[in-house]
Amino acid sequence: MHPFQKSRARRRHIPANTWKVGTDADLTVIFCLETNVLSGT
């Protein structure tokens, strides 16, 4: 494996995917909470 490819994979893919997954999860939780409040509690 080339060091350039390894560092590039770390910098581009892992942080970007982690950030996106974390953001999607947060938005989903917020959306569900707002929907529950609006729909009848």
Protein backbone atom coordinates (compact mmCIF):
# COMPACT_ATOMS: atom_id res chain seq x y z
CA MET A 1 0.00 0.00 0.00
CA HIS A 2 1.23 3.47 -0.79
CA PRO A 3 1.35 5.97 2.09
CA PHE A 4 -0.28 8.59 -0.13
CA GLN A 5 -3.33 6.41 -0.80
CA LYS A 6 -3.59 5.48 2.87
CA SER A 7 -3.53 9.05 4.18
CA ARG A 8 -5.86 10.15 1.40
CA ALA A 9 -8.38 7.44 2.25
CA ARG A 10 -8.26 8.44 5.91
CA ARG A 11 -8.65 12.13 5.27
CA ARG A 12 -11.37 11.96 2.63
CA HIS A 13 -13.58 8.97 3.37
CA ILE A 14 -13.67 8.25 7.08
CA PRO A 15 -14.25 11.77 8.46
CA ALA A 16 -16.68 12.69 5.70
CA ASN A 17 -18.77 9.54 6.18
CA THR A 18 -18.70 9.86 9.97
CA TRP A 19 -19.83 13.48 9.78
CA LYS A 20 -22.63 12.67 7.35
CA VAL A 21 -23.92 9.69 9.34
CA GLY A 22 -23.83 11.67 12.58
CA THR A 23 -25.66 14.58 10.98
CA ASP A 24 -28.31 12.34 9.44
CA ALA A 25 -28.92 10.64 12.79
CA ASP A 26 -29.31 13.99 14.57
CA LEU A 27 -31.72 15.30 11.94
CA THR A 28 -33.77 12.11 12.10
CA VAL A 29 -34.08 12.32 15.89
CA ILE A 30 -35.08 15.99 15.76
CA PHE A 31 -37.61 15.33 13.01
CA CYS A 32 -39.17 12.43 14.94
CA LEU A 33 -39.45 14.49 18.12
CA GLU A 34 -41.07 17.42 16.30
CA THR A 35 -43.47 15.08 14.50
CA ASN A 36 -44.54 13.46 17.78
CA VAL A 37 -45.16 16.83 19.41
CA LEU A 38 -47.16 18.14 16.46
CA SER A 39 -49.20 15.00 15.88
CA GLY A 40 -50.86 14.66 19.22
CA THR A 41 -49.11 14.93 22.55
